[in-house]
Amino acid sequence: MRKTINVAIIFILVVITAAGSYFIYGHLTGRHSDNDIMHKLVEKITGKKNDCQENVKMLQAAANKYRAENGRYPLQIEMLSGKYVKEIPKCPGGNGYSIDAEGIVFEDPEKR
Protein backbone atom coordinates (compact mmCIF):
# COMPACT_ATOMS: atom_id res chain seq x y z
CA MET A 1 0.00 0.00 0.00
CA ARG A 2 2.75 2.45 0.99
CA LYS A 3 4.72 1.58 -2.16
CA THR A 4 1.67 2.39 -4.31
CA ILE A 5 1.25 5.77 -2.61
CA ASN A 6 4.94 6.58 -3.11
CA VAL A 7 4.74 5.65 -6.80
CA ALA A 8 1.61 7.78 -7.22
CA ILE A 9 3.28 10.78 -5.55
CA ILE A 10 6.39 10.43 -7.72
CA PHE A 11 4.22 10.14 -10.84
CA ILE A 12 2.28 13.29 -9.92
CA LEU A 13 5.51 15.21 -9.27
CA VAL A 14 6.95 14.09 -12.62
CA VAL A 15 3.79 15.17 -14.47
CA ILE A 16 3.74 18.56 -12.73
CA THR A 17 7.44 19.11 -13.45
CA ALA A 18 7.04 18.13 -17.10
CA ALA A 19 3.95 20.31 -17.55
CA GLY A 20 5.65 23.26 -15.88
CA SER A 21 8.75 22.87 -18.02
CA TYR A 22 6.69 22.68 -21.19
CA PHE A 23 4.67 25.74 -20.10
CA ILE A 24 7.81 27.80 -19.41
CA TYR A 25 9.46 26.65 -22.65
CA GLY A 26 6.36 27.64 -24.63
CA HIS A 27 6.30 31.11 -23.14
CA LEU A 28 10.04 31.67 -23.52
CA THR A 29 9.99 30.64 -27.18
CA GLY A 30 6.75 32.49 -27.95
CA ARG A 31 4.89 29.30 -28.80
CA HIS A 32 1.60 30.14 -27.13
CA SER A 33 -1.24 27.85 -27.93
CA ASP A 34 -4.71 27.05 -26.76
CA ASN A 35 -3.44 23.47 -26.69
CA ASP A 36 -1.06 24.44 -23.92
CA ILE A 37 -0.45 21.39 -21.76
CA MET A 38 -0.65 23.41 -18.55
CA HIS A 39 -4.16 24.62 -19.38
CA LYS A 40 -5.18 21.06 -20.25
CA LEU A 41 -3.71 19.78 -16.97
CA VAL A 42 -5.62 22.40 -14.97
CA GLU A 43 -8.79 21.49 -16.87
CA LYS A 44 -8.30 17.78 -16.08
CA ILE A 45 -7.60 18.37 -12.40
CA THR A 46 -10.37 20.90 -11.75
CA GLY A 47 -12.87 19.51 -14.22
CA LYS A 48 -13.59 22.95 -15.66
CA LYS A 49 -12.18 25.07 -18.43
CA ASN A 50 -9.82 27.91 -17.62
CA ASP A 51 -11.50 31.31 -18.11
CA CYS A 52 -8.30 32.74 -19.59
CA GLN A 53 -8.13 29.88 -22.09
CA GLU A 54 -11.72 30.54 -23.13
CA ASN A 55 -10.97 34.26 -23.57
CA VAL A 56 -7.94 33.41 -25.74
CA LYS A 57 -10.13 31.21 -27.96
CA MET A 58 -12.73 33.97 -28.30
CA LEU A 59 -10.10 36.62 -29.09
CA GLN A 60 -8.35 34.28 -31.55
CA ALA A 61 -11.65 33.79 -33.41
CA ALA A 62 -12.11 37.58 -33.52
CA ALA A 63 -8.52 38.03 -34.79
CA ASN A 64 -9.17 35.46 -37.52
CA LYS A 65 -12.32 37.32 -38.55
CA TYR A 66 -10.34 40.59 -38.58
CA ARG A 67 -7.79 38.96 -40.88
CA ALA A 68 -10.49 37.63 -43.20
CA GLU A 69 -11.94 41.12 -43.56
CA ASN A 70 -8.70 43.14 -43.65
CA GLY A 71 -6.14 40.77 -45.16
CA ARG A 72 -3.88 40.87 -42.09
CA TYR A 73 -4.01 40.33 -38.36
CA PRO A 74 -4.46 43.34 -36.07
CA LEU A 75 -1.23 44.93 -34.87
CA GLN A 76 -2.61 45.20 -31.33
CA ILE A 77 -5.30 43.22 -29.55
CA GLU A 78 -7.12 46.47 -28.78
CA MET A 79 -7.92 46.83 -32.50
CA LEU A 80 -10.54 44.08 -32.01
CA SER A 81 -12.51 46.10 -29.48
CA GLY A 82 -15.83 47.43 -30.71
CA LYS A 83 -16.50 45.70 -34.02
CA TYR A 84 -15.08 42.23 -33.35
CA VAL A 85 -15.57 41.94 -29.57
CA LYS A 86 -17.57 44.14 -27.23
CA GLU A 87 -14.51 44.72 -25.04
CA ILE A 88 -11.14 43.10 -24.43
CA PRO A 89 -11.53 40.89 -21.33
CA LYS A 90 -9.04 40.35 -18.53
CA CYS A 91 -8.05 37.07 -16.95
CA PRO A 92 -9.42 36.51 -13.46
CA GLY A 93 -5.83 37.01 -12.22
CA GLY A 94 -5.71 40.45 -13.87
CA ASN A 95 -3.53 39.69 -16.91
CA GLY A 96 -4.49 41.03 -20.31
CA TYR A 97 -3.99 39.61 -23.78
CA SER A 98 -1.72 40.36 -26.74
CA ILE A 99 -1.34 39.19 -30.31
CA ASP A 100 1.99 38.37 -31.93
CA ALA A 101 3.13 39.09 -35.50
CA GLU A 102 1.86 35.68 -36.64
CA GLY A 103 -1.64 36.38 -35.33
CA ILE A 104 -1.45 34.18 -32.24
CA VAL A 105 -3.40 35.54 -29.26
CA PHE A 106 -1.89 34.85 -25.84
CA GLU A 107 -2.26 35.79 -22.18
CA ASP A 108 0.13 38.63 -21.46
CA PRO A 109 1.24 39.29 -17.86
CA GLU A 110 2.77 42.59 -19.06
CA LYS A 111 -0.75 43.91 -19.73
CA ARG A 112 -2.67 44.45 -16.56
C-alpha atoms as a PDB file:
ATOM      1  CA  MET A   1       0.000   0.000   0.000  1.00  0.00           C
ATOM      2  CA  ARG A   2       2.753   2.451   0.985  1.00  0.00           C
ATOM      3  CA  LYS A   3       4.724   1.583  -2.161  1.00  0.00           C
ATOM      4  CA  THR A   4       1.669   2.390  -4.310  1.00  0.00           C
ATOM      5  CA  ILE A   5       1.252   5.766  -2.613  1.00  0.00           C
ATOM      6  CA  ASN A   6       4.939   6.578  -3.106  1.00  0.00           C
ATOM      7  CA  VAL A   7       4.739   5.646  -6.804  1.00  0.00           C
ATOM      8  CA  ALA A   8       1.612   7.784  -7.216  1.00  0.00           C
ATOM      9  CA  ILE A   9       3.284  10.777  -5.551  1.00  0.00           C
ATOM     10  CA  ILE A  10       6.387  10.431  -7.720  1.00  0.00           C
ATOM     11  CA  PHE A  11       4.219  10.143 -10.838  1.00  0.00           C
ATOM     12  CA  ILE A  12       2.279  13.294  -9.924  1.00  0.00           C
ATOM     13  CA  LEU A  13       5.507  15.208  -9.272  1.00  0.00           C
ATOM     14  CA  VAL A  14       6.947  14.093 -12.625  1.00  0.00           C
ATOM     15  CA  VAL A  15       3.786  15.165 -14.470  1.00  0.00           C
ATOM     16  CA  ILE A  16       3.735  18.557 -12.733  1.00  0.00           C
ATOM     17  CA  THR A  17       7.437  19.105 -13.447  1.00  0.00           C
ATOM     18  CA  ALA A  18       7.038  18.133 -17.104  1.00  0.00           C
ATOM     19  CA  ALA A  19       3.947  20.310 -17.547  1.00  0.00           C
ATOM     20  CA  GLY A  20       5.649  23.263 -15.879  1.00  0.00           C
ATOM     21  CA  SER A  21       8.754  22.875 -18.017  1.00  0.00           C
ATOM     22  CA  TYR A  22       6.685  22.680 -21.189  1.00  0.00           C
ATOM     23  CA  PHE A  23       4.671  25.736 -20.104  1.00  0.00           C
ATOM     24  CA  ILE A  24       7.810  27.796 -19.408  1.00  0.00           C
ATOM     25  CA  TYR A  25       9.462  26.652 -22.650  1.00  0.00           C
ATOM     26  CA  GLY A  26       6.361  27.638 -24.630  1.00  0.00           C
ATOM     27  CA  HIS A  27       6.300  31.111 -23.137  1.00  0.00           C
ATOM     28  CA  LEU A  28      10.039  31.667 -23.524  1.00  0.00           C
ATOM     29  CA  THR A  29       9.989  30.642 -27.177  1.00  0.00           C
ATOM     30  CA  GLY A  30       6.746  32.494 -27.953  1.00  0.00           C
ATOM     31  CA  ARG A  31       4.885  29.301 -28.796  1.00  0.00           C
ATOM     32  CA  HIS A  32       1.603  30.142 -27.128  1.00  0.00           C
ATOM     33  CA  SER A  33      -1.240  27.854 -27.928  1.00  0.00           C
ATOM     34  CA  ASP A  34      -4.705  27.055 -26.756  1.00  0.00           C
ATOM     35  CA  ASN A  35      -3.445  23.466 -26.691  1.00  0.00           C
ATOM     36  CA  ASP A  36      -1.055  24.443 -23.919  1.00  0.00           C
ATOM     37  CA  ILE A  37      -0.450  21.388 -21.762  1.00  0.00           C
ATOM     38  CA  MET A  38      -0.646  23.405 -18.548  1.00  0.00           C
ATOM     39  CA  HIS A  39      -4.165  24.621 -19.383  1.00  0.00           C
ATOM     40  CA  LYS A  40      -5.182  21.063 -20.253  1.00  0.00           C
ATOM     41  CA  LEU A  41      -3.714  19.782 -16.974  1.00  0.00           C
ATOM     42  CA  VAL A  42      -5.625  22.401 -14.970  1.00  0.00           C
ATOM     43  CA  GLU A  43      -8.787  21.487 -16.865  1.00  0.00           C
ATOM     44  CA  LYS A  44      -8.305  17.781 -16.082  1.00  0.00           C
ATOM     45  CA  ILE A  45      -7.600  18.371 -12.400  1.00  0.00           C
ATOM     46  CA  THR A  46     -10.375  20.897 -11.751  1.00  0.00           C
ATOM     47  CA  GLY A  47     -12.874  19.511 -14.221  1.00  0.00           C
ATOM     48  CA  LYS A  48     -13.591  22.948 -15.664  1.00  0.00           C
ATOM     49  CA  LYS A  49     -12.185  25.074 -18.429  1.00  0.00           C
ATOM     50  CA  ASN A  50      -9.821  27.910 -17.621  1.00  0.00           C
ATOM     51  CA  ASP A  51     -11.505  31.311 -18.111  1.00  0.00           C
ATOM     52  CA  CYS A  52      -8.297  32.738 -19.586  1.00  0.00           C
ATOM     53  CA  GLN A  53      -8.130  29.883 -22.094  1.00  0.00           C
ATOM     54  CA  GLU A  54     -11.723  30.538 -23.130  1.00  0.00           C
ATOM     55  CA  ASN A  55     -10.968  34.255 -23.567  1.00  0.00           C
ATOM     56  CA  VAL A  56      -7.943  33.410 -25.743  1.00  0.00           C
ATOM     57  CA  LYS A  57     -10.135  31.207 -27.955  1.00  0.00           C
ATOM     58  CA  MET A  58     -12.734  33.967 -28.305  1.00  0.00           C
ATOM     59  CA  LEU A  59     -10.100  36.622 -29.088  1.00  0.00           C
ATOM     60  CA  GLN A  60      -8.352  34.279 -31.552  1.00  0.00           C
ATOM     61  CA  ALA A  61     -11.645  33.792 -33.414  1.00  0.00           C
ATOM     62  CA  ALA A  62     -12.109  37.582 -33.524  1.00  0.00           C
ATOM     63  CA  ALA A  63      -8.519  38.033 -34.791  1.00  0.00           C
ATOM     64  CA  ASN A  64      -9.170  35.456 -37.521  1.00  0.00           C
ATOM     65  CA  LYS A  65     -12.324  37.324 -38.546  1.00  0.00           C
ATOM     66  CA  TYR A  66     -10.342  40.592 -38.579  1.00  0.00           C
ATOM     67  CA  ARG A  67      -7.786  38.955 -40.877  1.00  0.00           C
ATOM     68  CA  ALA A  68     -10.488  37.627 -43.197  1.00  0.00           C
ATOM     69  CA  GLU A  69     -11.942  41.125 -43.563  1.00  0.00           C
ATOM     70  CA  ASN A  70      -8.700  43.142 -43.645  1.00  0.00           C
ATOM     71  CA  GLY A  71      -6.138  40.775 -45.161  1.00  0.00           C
ATOM     72  CA  ARG A  72      -3.877  40.870 -42.092  1.00  0.00           C
ATOM     73  CA  TYR A  73      -4.008  40.329 -38.357  1.00  0.00           C
ATOM     74  CA  PRO A  74      -4.459  43.336 -36.072  1.00  0.00           C
ATOM     75  CA  LEU A  75      -1.234  44.930 -34.866  1.00  0.00           C
ATOM     76  CA  GLN A  76      -2.613  45.199 -31.331  1.00  0.00           C
ATOM     77  CA  ILE A  77      -5.300  43.219 -29.551  1.00  0.00           C
ATOM     78  CA  GLU A  78      -7.123  46.472 -28.779  1.00  0.00           C
ATOM     79  CA  MET A  79      -7.924  46.835 -32.499  1.00  0.00           C
ATOM     80  CA  LEU A  80     -10.537  44.083 -32.014  1.00  0.00           C
ATOM     81  CA  SER A  81     -12.515  46.100 -29.476  1.00  0.00           C
ATOM     82  CA  GLY A  82     -15.828  47.430 -30.710  1.00  0.00           C
ATOM     83  CA  LYS A  83     -16.498  45.704 -34.024  1.00  0.00           C
ATOM     84  CA  TYR A  84     -15.083  42.231 -33.349  1.00  0.00           C
ATOM     85  CA  VAL A  85     -15.566  41.939 -29.572  1.00  0.00           C
ATOM     86  CA  LYS A  86     -17.565  44.141 -27.226  1.00  0.00           C
ATOM     87  CA  GLU A  87     -14.510  44.716 -25.044  1.00  0.00           C
ATOM     88  CA  ILE A  88     -11.136  43.099 -24.427  1.00  0.00           C
ATOM     89  CA  PRO A  89     -11.531  40.889 -21.327  1.00  0.00           C
ATOM     90  CA  LYS A  90      -9.045  40.351 -18.528  1.00  0.00           C
ATOM     91  CA  CYS A  91      -8.045  37.072 -16.951  1.00  0.00           C
ATOM     92  CA  PRO A  92      -9.417  36.507 -13.455  1.00  0.00           C
ATOM     93  CA  GLY A  93      -5.831  37.014 -12.219  1.00  0.00           C
ATOM     94  CA  GLY A  94      -5.706  40.447 -13.866  1.00  0.00           C
ATOM     95  CA  ASN A  95      -3.527  39.686 -16.914  1.00  0.00           C
ATOM     96  CA  GLY A  96      -4.489  41.032 -20.306  1.00  0.00           C
ATOM     97  CA  TYR A  97      -3.986  39.615 -23.784  1.00  0.00           C
ATOM     98  CA  SER A  98      -1.721  40.358 -26.740  1.00  0.00           C
ATOM     99  CA  ILE A  99      -1.345  39.192 -30.311  1.00  0.00           C
ATOM    100  CA  ASP A 100       1.994  38.371 -31.932  1.00  0.00           C
ATOM    101  CA  ALA A 101       3.132  39.087 -35.504  1.00  0.00           C
ATOM    102  CA  GLU A 102       1.862  35.676 -36.636  1.00  0.00           C
ATOM    103  CA  GLY A 103      -1.644  36.379 -35.334  1.00  0.00           C
ATOM    104  CA  ILE A 104      -1.454  34.179 -32.243  1.00  0.00           C
ATOM    105  CA  VAL A 105      -3.399  35.535 -29.259  1.00  0.00           C
ATOM    106  CA  PHE A 106      -1.890  34.848 -25.835  1.00  0.00           C
ATOM    107  CA  GLU A 107      -2.265  35.791 -22.183  1.00  0.00           C
ATOM    108  CA  ASP A 108       0.135  38.633 -21.459  1.00  0.00           C
ATOM    109  CA  PRO A 109       1.238  39.288 -17.858  1.00  0.00           C
ATOM    110  CA  GLU A 110       2.766  42.586 -19.063  1.00  0.00           C
ATOM    111  CA  LYS A 111      -0.746  43.908 -19.732  1.00  0.00           C
ATOM    112  CA  ARG A 112      -2.667  44.445 -16.561  1.00  0.00           C
END
